[in-house]
Structures are given as structure tokens and as C-alpha cells.
């Protein structure tokens, strides 16, 4: 596998989460589709199951970093 192919696959994997899918009934990889809202305590994302393609909202509770103040 070429370095650029490996880098692409690593980026794709970094954009997924292992979540319980209500439709599949199993833990499956869900891909980040869209950022819905950014809060100080985390980020709300639209996720898509990579197995059955259903979509769901998911909250990433990693606190967001405040943006630097511009003068």
C-alpha cells in the first residue's frame, strides 16, 4: 500500500466512531457526516452507520477550545 493511500485510510478511520446502531442492533462504525452544533462542552455531530447507512445525532463530549480573541 502506498503512503498516500495509507494516509487517506487513516484520515477516514479518524472520522468514525464505534457506536451502537439501533437499526443494525450491533456496534458498528459510524462516519462523521456533518457538524450540527458546537457548544463549550462538546460538539453535536450527524453520524451515518457504515453498515446500514442510517443517520443519527451524536454528542462528542470533548470540550471545545475557545477561539483566540481578535483585536
Protein backbone atom coordinates (compact mmCIF):
# COMPACT_ATOMS: atom_id res chain seq x y z
CA UNK A 1 0.00 0.00 0.00
CA UNK A 2 1.31 3.45 -0.92
CA UNK A 3 1.94 6.09 1.76
CA UNK A 4 -0.78 8.39 0.37
CA UNK A 5 -3.32 5.54 0.38
CA UNK A 6 -2.44 4.68 3.96
CA UNK A 7 -2.72 8.34 4.99
CA UNK A 8 -6.16 8.59 3.33
CA UNK A 9 -7.41 5.46 5.12
CA UNK A 10 -6.08 6.72 8.46
CA UNK A 11 -7.96 10.01 7.96
CA UNK A 12 -11.15 8.13 7.08
CA UNK A 13 -10.85 5.96 10.19
CA UNK A 14 -10.19 9.01 12.38
CA UNK A 15 -13.56 10.37 11.20
CA UNK A 16 -15.52 7.41 12.57
CA UNK A 17 -16.82 6.27 15.94
CA UNK A 18 -17.83 2.80 17.10
CA UNK A 19 -21.45 3.29 18.19
CA UNK A 20 -24.47 1.11 18.91
CA UNK A 21 -26.77 1.20 15.89
CA UNK A 22 -30.47 0.93 16.67
CA UNK A 23 -31.27 -0.31 13.15
CA UNK A 24 -28.48 -2.93 12.91
CA UNK A 25 -28.70 -3.89 16.57
CA UNK A 26 -24.91 -4.06 16.80
CA UNK A 27 -21.92 -1.83 17.48
CA UNK A 28 -20.88 -0.54 14.06
CA UNK A 29 -18.63 2.18 12.70
CA UNK A 30 -20.41 5.47 12.17
CA UNK A 31 -18.89 8.15 9.92
CA UNK A 32 -18.94 11.87 10.74
CA UNK A 33 -21.22 13.49 8.14
CA UNK A 34 -21.75 16.99 9.47
CA UNK A 35 -21.11 19.20 12.48
CA UNK A 36 -24.56 20.29 13.66
CA UNK A 37 -23.66 22.50 16.61
CA UNK A 38 -20.58 23.43 18.60
CA UNK A 39 -21.08 24.02 22.33
CA UNK A 40 -18.49 24.91 25.00
CA UNK A 41 -18.87 21.39 26.47
CA UNK A 42 -18.75 19.43 23.20
CA UNK A 43 -19.84 19.09 19.58
CA UNK A 44 -23.09 17.68 18.18
CA UNK A 45 -22.47 15.64 15.02
CA UNK A 46 -24.60 13.93 12.40
CA UNK A 47 -23.32 10.36 12.06
CA UNK A 48 -24.05 7.67 9.45
CA UNK A 49 -23.81 3.93 10.07
CA UNK A 50 -21.32 2.46 7.62
CA UNK A 51 -23.28 -0.81 7.57
CA UNK A 52 -26.94 0.18 7.04
CA UNK A 53 -26.48 3.89 6.12
CA UNK A 54 -28.98 5.17 8.74
CA UNK A 55 -28.19 8.56 10.25
CA UNK A 56 -28.25 9.71 13.86
CA UNK A 57 -27.15 12.59 16.01
CA UNK A 58 -24.25 12.04 18.39
CA UNK A 59 -22.66 14.26 21.03
CA UNK A 60 -18.88 14.32 21.31
CA UNK A 61 -18.31 15.49 24.89
CA UNK A 62 -14.75 16.65 24.26
CA UNK A 63 -14.72 20.30 25.43
CA UNK A 64 -14.15 22.74 22.60
CA UNK A 65 -11.20 25.10 22.79
CA UNK A 66 -12.08 28.79 22.92
CA UNK A 67 -11.08 30.77 19.85
CA UNK A 68 -8.43 33.43 20.29
CA UNK A 69 -9.71 36.97 20.64
CA UNK A 70 -9.05 39.22 17.68
CA UNK A 71 -8.14 42.89 18.13
